[in-house]
Amino acid sequence: MKRRELEAWLLRCGFVLLPGGSTSHRQYAGHGIKVTVSGHGPQDVGKPLLAGIRRRLRAVNPDFDWRE
């Protein structure tokens, strides 16, 4: 999954982009968690980041459907 695809998915799932600071990282908040997406480096999002997001979403809401 590409970084922009992840950001679009987060927005579709009800996450909100938080106001930015002086870094290229973007923070999204929603469903009781915050997700930080790097703004530099490889465009592909690593599997550990995706697994961590899914794990935290399941911890907050076990019925959350993270697939589309």
PDB file of N, CA and C in Angstrom:
ATOM      1  N   MET A   1       0.849  -1.167   0.000  1.00  0.00           N
ATOM      2  CA  MET A   1       0.000   0.000   0.000  1.00  0.00           C
ATOM      3  C   MET A   1       0.893   1.228   0.000  1.00  0.00           C
ATOM      4  N   LYS A   2       0.532   2.185  -0.791  1.00  0.00           N
ATOM      5  CA  LYS A   2       1.274   3.442  -0.866  1.00  0.00           C
ATOM      6  C   LYS A   2       0.825   4.383   0.250  1.00  0.00           C
ATOM      7  N   ARG A   3       1.682   5.341   0.562  1.00  0.00           N
ATOM      8  CA  ARG A   3       1.401   6.296   1.629  1.00  0.00           C
ATOM      9  C   ARG A   3       0.112   7.086   1.356  1.00  0.00           C
ATOM     10  N   ARG A   4      -0.082   7.527   0.134  1.00  0.00           N
ATOM     11  CA  ARG A   4      -1.286   8.294  -0.199  1.00  0.00           C
ATOM     12  C   ARG A   4      -2.541   7.428  -0.130  1.00  0.00           C
ATOM     13  N   GLU A   5      -2.425   6.164  -0.482  1.00  0.00           N
ATOM     14  CA  GLU A   5      -3.562   5.255  -0.362  1.00  0.00           C
ATOM     15  C   GLU A   5      -3.951   5.087   1.100  1.00  0.00           C
ATOM     16  N   LEU A   6      -2.953   4.975   1.982  1.00  0.00           N
ATOM     17  CA  LEU A   6      -3.227   4.856   3.414  1.00  0.00           C
ATOM     18  C   LEU A   6      -3.925   6.111   3.923  1.00  0.00           C
ATOM     19  N   GLU A   7      -3.446   7.286   3.520  1.00  0.00           N
ATOM     20  CA  GLU A   7      -4.061   8.532   3.964  1.00  0.00           C
ATOM     21  C   GLU A   7      -5.502   8.637   3.474  1.00  0.00           C
ATOM     22  N   ALA A   8      -5.763   8.259   2.236  1.00  0.00           N
ATOM     23  CA  ALA A   8      -7.131   8.286   1.697  1.00  0.00           C
ATOM     24  C   ALA A   8      -8.021   7.306   2.460  1.00  0.00           C
ATOM     25  N   TRP A   9      -7.487   6.118   2.782  1.00  0.00           N
ATOM     26  CA  TRP A   9      -8.255   5.120   3.530  1.00  0.00           C
ATOM     27  C   TRP A   9      -8.600   5.637   4.920  1.00  0.00           C
ATOM     28  N   LEU A  10      -7.633   6.277   5.586  1.00  0.00           N
ATOM     29  CA  LEU A  10      -7.881   6.818   6.915  1.00  0.00           C
ATOM     30  C   LEU A  10      -9.007   7.852   6.879  1.00  0.00           C
ATOM     31  N   LEU A  11      -8.990   8.729   5.879  1.00  0.00           N
ATOM     32  CA  LEU A  11     -10.034   9.744   5.761  1.00  0.00           C
ATOM     33  C   LEU A  11     -11.394   9.107   5.484  1.00  0.00           C
ATOM     34  N   ARG A  12     -11.436   8.084   4.638  1.00  0.00           N
ATOM     35  CA  ARG A  12     -12.702   7.398   4.348  1.00  0.00           C
ATOM     36  C   ARG A  12     -13.245   6.690   5.576  1.00  0.00           C
ATOM     37  N   CYS A  13     -12.364   6.250   6.463  1.00  0.00           N
ATOM     38  CA  CYS A  13     -12.781   5.529   7.673  1.00  0.00           C
ATOM     39  C   CYS A  13     -13.149   6.462   8.813  1.00  0.00           C
ATOM     40  N   GLY A  14     -13.120   7.758   8.590  1.00  0.00           N
ATOM     41  CA  GLY A  14     -13.551   8.691   9.620  1.00  0.00           C
ATOM     42  C   GLY A  14     -12.446   9.348  10.413  1.00  0.00           C
ATOM     43  N   PHE A  15     -11.204   9.151  10.028  1.00  0.00           N
ATOM     44  CA  PHE A  15     -10.110   9.829  10.697  1.00  0.00           C
ATOM     45  C   PHE A  15     -10.042  11.281  10.229  1.00  0.00           C
ATOM     46  N   VAL A  16      -9.482  12.130  11.064  1.00  0.00           N
ATOM     47  CA  VAL A  16      -9.363  13.547  10.762  1.00  0.00           C
ATOM     48  C   VAL A  16      -7.884  13.913  10.754  1.00  0.00           C
ATOM     49  N   LEU A  17      -7.479  14.690   9.757  1.00  0.00           N
ATOM     50  CA  LEU A  17      -6.102  15.171   9.688  1.00  0.00           C
ATOM     51  C   LEU A  17      -5.923  16.269  10.724  1.00  0.00           C
ATOM     52  N   LEU A  18      -4.963  16.072  11.618  1.00  0.00           N
ATOM     53  CA  LEU A  18      -4.688  17.058  12.662  1.00  0.00           C
ATOM     54  C   LEU A  18      -3.837  18.185  12.091  1.00  0.00           C
ATOM     55  N   PRO A  19      -3.930  19.379  12.677  1.00  0.00           N
ATOM     56  CA  PRO A  19      -3.114  20.488  12.195  1.00  0.00           C
ATOM     57  C   PRO A  19      -1.635  20.129  12.239  1.00  0.00           C
ATOM     58  N   GLY A  20      -0.924  20.495  11.190  1.00  0.00           N
ATOM     59  CA  GLY A  20       0.474  20.126  11.066  1.00  0.00           C
ATOM     60  C   GLY A  20       1.403  21.031  11.837  1.00  0.00           C
ATOM     61  N   GLY A  21       2.559  20.509  12.070  1.00  0.00           N
ATOM     62  CA  GLY A  21       3.599  21.279  12.733  1.00  0.00           C
ATOM     63  C   GLY A  21       4.660  21.643  11.716  1.00  0.00           C
ATOM     64  N   SER A  22       5.890  21.591  12.122  1.00  0.00           N
ATOM     65  CA  SER A  22       6.982  21.979  11.239  1.00  0.00           C
ATOM     66  C   SER A  22       7.646  20.768  10.591  1.00  0.00           C
ATOM     67  N   THR A  23       7.021  19.593  10.718  1.00  0.00           N
ATOM     68  CA  THR A  23       7.611  18.396  10.128  1.00  0.00           C
ATOM     69  C   THR A  23       6.765  17.934   8.947  1.00  0.00           C
ATOM     70  N   SER A  24       7.273  16.980   8.215  1.00  0.00           N
ATOM     71  CA  SER A  24       6.547  16.459   7.059  1.00  0.00           C
ATOM     72  C   SER A  24       5.616  15.318   7.446  1.00  0.00           C
ATOM     73  N   HIS A  25       5.656  14.886   8.697  1.00  0.00           N
ATOM     74  CA  HIS A  25       4.771  13.823   9.153  1.00  0.00           C
ATOM     75  C   HIS A  25       3.338  14.348   9.253  1.00  0.00           C
ATOM     76  N   ARG A  26       2.378  13.466   8.975  1.00  0.00           N
ATOM     77  CA  ARG A  26       0.975  13.828   9.098  1.00  0.00           C
ATOM     78  C   ARG A  26       0.347  12.948  10.156  1.00  0.00           C
ATOM     79  N   GLN A  27      -0.437  13.582  11.035  1.00  0.00           N
ATOM     80  CA  GLN A  27      -1.098  12.842  12.098  1.00  0.00           C
ATOM     81  C   GLN A  27      -2.596  12.850  11.863  1.00  0.00           C
ATOM     82  N   TYR A  28      -3.185  11.675  12.038  1.00  0.00           N
ATOM     83  CA  TYR A  28      -4.621  11.490  11.883  1.00  0.00           C
ATOM     84  C   TYR A  28      -5.169  10.978  13.200  1.00  0.00           C
ATOM     85  N   ALA A  29      -6.347  11.467  13.580  1.00  0.00           N
ATOM     86  CA  ALA A  29      -6.995  11.029  14.812  1.00  0.00           C
ATOM     87  C   ALA A  29      -8.391  10.539  14.476  1.00  0.00           C
ATOM     88  N   GLY A  30      -8.771   9.465  15.140  1.00  0.00           N
ATOM     89  CA  GLY A  30     -10.108   8.936  14.962  1.00  0.00           C
ATOM     90  C   GLY A  30     -10.258   7.606  15.662  1.00  0.00           C
ATOM     91  N   HIS A  31     -11.476   7.289  16.046  1.00  0.00           N
ATOM     92  CA  HIS A  31     -11.790   6.010  16.679  1.00  0.00           C
ATOM     93  C   HIS A  31     -10.960   5.778  17.939  1.00  0.00           C
ATOM     94  N   GLY A  32     -10.562   6.857  18.602  1.00  0.00           N
ATOM     95  CA  GLY A  32      -9.837   6.733  19.858  1.00  0.00           C
ATOM     96  C   GLY A  32      -8.342   6.519  19.731  1.00  0.00           C
ATOM     97  N   ILE A  33      -7.790   6.619  18.530  1.00  0.00           N
ATOM     98  CA  ILE A  33      -6.342   6.448  18.357  1.00  0.00           C
ATOM     99  C   ILE A  33      -5.793   7.554  17.470  1.00  0.00           C
ATOM    100  N   LYS A  34      -4.483   7.707  17.486  1.00  0.00           N
ATOM    101  CA  LYS A  34      -3.775   8.604  16.575  1.00  0.00           C
ATOM    102  C   LYS A  34      -2.842   7.780  15.716  1.00  0.00           C
ATOM    103  N   VAL A  35      -2.732   8.164  14.446  1.00  0.00           N
ATOM    104  CA  VAL A  35      -1.857   7.475  13.505  1.00  0.00           C
ATOM    105  C   VAL A  35      -0.936   8.516  12.889  1.00  0.00           C
ATOM    106  N   THR A  36       0.357   8.251  12.893  1.00  0.00           N
ATOM    107  CA  THR A  36       1.330   9.139  12.277  1.00  0.00           C
ATOM    108  C   THR A  36       1.832   8.496  10.992  1.00  0.00           C
ATOM    109  N   VAL A  37       1.717   9.246   9.894  1.00  0.00           N
ATOM    110  CA  VAL A  37       2.182   8.781   8.596  1.00  0.00           C
ATOM    111  C   VAL A  37       3.386   9.637   8.209  1.00  0.00           C
ATOM    112  N   SER A  38       4.479   8.980   7.893  1.00  0.00           N
ATOM    113  CA  SER A  38       5.702   9.682   7.529  1.00  0.00           C
ATOM    114  C   SER A  38       5.512  10.433   6.223  1.00  0.00           C
ATOM    115  N   GLY A  39       6.121  11.590   6.124  1.00  0.00           N
ATOM    116  CA  GLY A  39       6.021  12.385   4.912  1.00  0.00           C
ATOM    117  C   GLY A  39       7.257  12.278   4.051  1.00  0.00           C
ATOM    118  N   HIS A  40       8.179  11.425   4.405  1.00  0.00           N
ATOM    119  CA  HIS A  40       9.409  11.274   3.623  1.00  0.00           C
ATOM    120  C   HIS A  40       9.798   9.805   3.596  1.00  0.00           C
ATOM    121  N   GLY A  41      10.784   9.495   2.820  1.00  0.00           N
ATOM    122  CA  GLY A  41      11.221   8.105   2.717  1.00  0.00           C
ATOM    123  C   GLY A  41      10.470   7.373   1.626  1.00  0.00           C
ATOM    124  N   PRO A  42      10.476   6.054   1.674  1.00  0.00           N
ATOM    125  CA  PRO A  42       9.814   5.268   0.633  1.00  0.00           C
ATOM    126  C   PRO A  42       8.308   5.525   0.606  1.00  0.00           C
ATOM    127  N   GLN A  43       7.737   5.463  -0.590  1.00  0.00           N
ATOM    128  CA  GLN A  43       6.303   5.675  -0.745  1.00  0.00           C
ATOM    129  C   GLN A  43       5.493   4.502  -0.208  1.00  0.00           C
ATOM    130  N   ASP A  44       6.070   3.316  -0.213  1.00  0.00           N
ATOM    131  CA  ASP A  44       5.353   2.142   0.286  1.00  0.00           C
ATOM    132  C   ASP A  44       5.294   2.174   1.810  1.00  0.00           C
ATOM    133  N   VAL A  45       4.102   1.869   2.331  1.00  0.00           N
ATOM    134  CA  VAL A  45       3.909   1.794   3.778  1.00  0.00           C
ATOM    135  C   VAL A  45       4.273   0.384   4.205  1.00  0.00           C
ATOM    136  N   GLY A  46       5.057   0.263   5.238  1.00  0.00           N
ATOM    137  CA  GLY A  46       5.512  -1.038   5.696  1.00  0.00           C
ATOM    138  C   GLY A  46       4.411  -1.847   6.353  1.00  0.00           C
ATOM    139  N   LYS A  47       4.557  -3.156   6.287  1.00  0.00           N
ATOM    140  CA  LYS A  47       3.588  -4.057   6.906  1.00  0.00           C
ATOM    141  C   LYS A  47       3.508  -3.866   8.420  1.00  0.00           C
ATOM    142  N   PRO A  48       4.612  -3.582   9.109  1.00  0.00           N
ATOM    143  CA  PRO A  48       4.496  -3.375  10.560  1.00  0.00           C
ATOM    144  C   PRO A  48       3.614  -2.177  10.920  1.00  0.00           C
ATOM    145  N   LEU A  49       3.666  -1.106  10.134  1.00  0.00           N
ATOM    146  CA  LEU A  49       2.815   0.055  10.403  1.00  0.00           C
ATOM    147  C   LEU A  49       1.355  -0.308  10.210  1.00  0.00           C
ATOM    148  N   LEU A  50       1.031  -0.990   9.116  1.00  0.00           N
ATOM    149  CA  LEU A  50      -0.352  -1.401   8.864  1.00  0.00           C
ATOM    150  C   LEU A  50      -0.849  -2.356   9.950  1.00  0.00           C
ATOM    151  N   ALA A  51      -0.018  -3.294  10.346  1.00  0.00           N
ATOM    152  CA  ALA A  51      -0.406  -4.241  11.394  1.00  0.00           C
ATOM    153  C   ALA A  51      -0.645  -3.515  12.718  1.00  0.00           C
ATOM    154  N   GLY A  52       0.178  -2.531  13.021  1.00  0.00           N
ATOM    155  CA  GLY A  52       0.003  -1.766  14.250  1.00  0.00           C
ATOM    156  C   GLY A  52      -1.286  -0.973  14.252  1.00  0.00           C
ATOM    157  N   ILE A  53      -1.634  -0.380  13.119  1.00  0.00           N
ATOM    158  CA  ILE A  53      -2.889   0.369  13.013  1.00  0.00           C
ATOM    159  C   ILE A  53      -4.067  -0.575  13.212  1.00  0.00           C
ATOM    160  N   ARG A  54      -4.036  -1.714  12.544  1.00  0.00           N
ATOM    161  CA  ARG A  54      -5.130  -2.685  12.671  1.00  0.00           C
ATOM    162  C   ARG A  54      -5.253  -3.204  14.105  1.00  0.00           C
ATOM    163  N   ARG A  55      -4.113  -3.473  14.726  1.00  0.00           N
ATOM    164  CA  ARG A  55      -4.110  -3.988  16.097  1.00  0.00           C
ATOM    165  C   ARG A  55      -4.714  -2.952  17.052  1.00  0.00           C
ATOM    166  N   ARG A  56      -4.341  -1.688  16.904  1.00  0.00           N
ATOM    167  CA  ARG A  56      -4.873  -0.648  17.780  1.00  0.00           C
ATOM    168  C   ARG A  56      -6.359  -0.412  17.534  1.00  0.00           C
ATOM    169  N   LEU A  57      -6.785  -0.491  16.267  1.00  0.00           N
ATOM    170  CA  LEU A  57      -8.208  -0.338  15.970  1.00  0.00           C
ATOM    171  C   LEU A  57      -9.025  -1.471  16.572  1.00  0.00           C
ATOM    172  N   ARG A  58      -8.497  -2.694  16.491  1.00  0.00           N
ATOM    173  CA  ARG A  58      -9.207  -3.840  17.086  1.00  0.00           C
ATOM    174  C   ARG A  58      -9.245  -3.733  18.606  1.00  0.00           C
ATOM    175  N   ALA A  59      -8.211  -3.176  19.218  1.00  0.00           N
ATOM    176  CA  ALA A  59      -8.188  -3.022  20.669  1.00  0.00           C
ATOM    177  C   ALA A  59      -9.261  -2.031  21.132  1.00  0.00           C
ATOM    178  N   VAL A  60      -9.474  -0.983  20.358  1.00  0.00           N
ATOM    179  CA  VAL A  60     -10.459   0.028  20.709  1.00  0.00           C
ATOM    180  C   VAL A  60     -11.865  -0.436  20.357  1.00  0.00           C
ATOM    181  N   ASN A  61     -12.011  -1.048  19.173  1.00  0.00           N
ATOM    182  CA  ASN A  61     -13.316  -1.479  18.697  1.00  0.00           C
ATOM    183  C   ASN A  61     -13.159  -2.802  17.958  1.00  0.00           C
ATOM    184  N   PRO A  62     -13.423  -3.918  18.608  1.00  0.00           N
ATOM    185  CA  PRO A  62     -13.228  -5.228  17.977  1.00  0.00           C
ATOM    186  C   PRO A  62     -14.078  -5.440  16.722  1.00  0.00           C
ATOM    187  N   ASP A  63     -15.183  -4.707  16.593  1.00  0.00           N
ATOM    188  CA  ASP A  63     -16.063  -4.859  15.437  1.00  0.00           C
ATOM    189  C   ASP A  63     -15.699  -3.955  14.279  1.00  0.00           C
ATOM    190  N   PHE A  64     -14.636  -3.157  14.411  1.00  0.00           N
ATOM    191  CA  PHE A  64     -14.263  -2.229  13.347  1.00  0.00           C
ATOM    192  C   PHE A  64     -13.851  -3.007  12.095  1.00  0.00           C
ATOM    193  N   ASP A  65     -14.454  -2.651  10.968  1.00  0.00           N
ATOM    194  CA  ASP A  65     -14.132  -3.308   9.690  1.00  0.00           C
ATOM    195  C   ASP A  65     -13.087  -2.449   8.984  1.00  0.00           C
ATOM    196  N   TRP A  66     -11.843  -2.873   9.035  1.00  0.00           N
ATOM    197  CA  TRP A  66     -10.753  -2.092   8.451  1.00  0.00           C
ATOM    198  C   TRP A  66     -10.569  -2.387   6.982  1.00  0.00           C
ATOM    199  N   ARG A  67     -11.283  -3.345   6.443  1.00  0.00           N
ATOM    200  CA  ARG A  67     -11.194  -3.655   5.011  1.00  0.00           C
ATOM    201  C   ARG A  67     -12.265  -2.893   4.260  1.00  0.00           C
ATOM    202  N   GLU A  68     -12.034  -2.710   2.965  1.00  0.00           N
ATOM    203  CA  GLU A  68     -13.041  -2.084   2.117  1.00  0.00           C
ATOM    204  C   GLU A  68     -13.303  -2.954   0.936  1.00  0.00           C
TER     205      GLU A  68
END
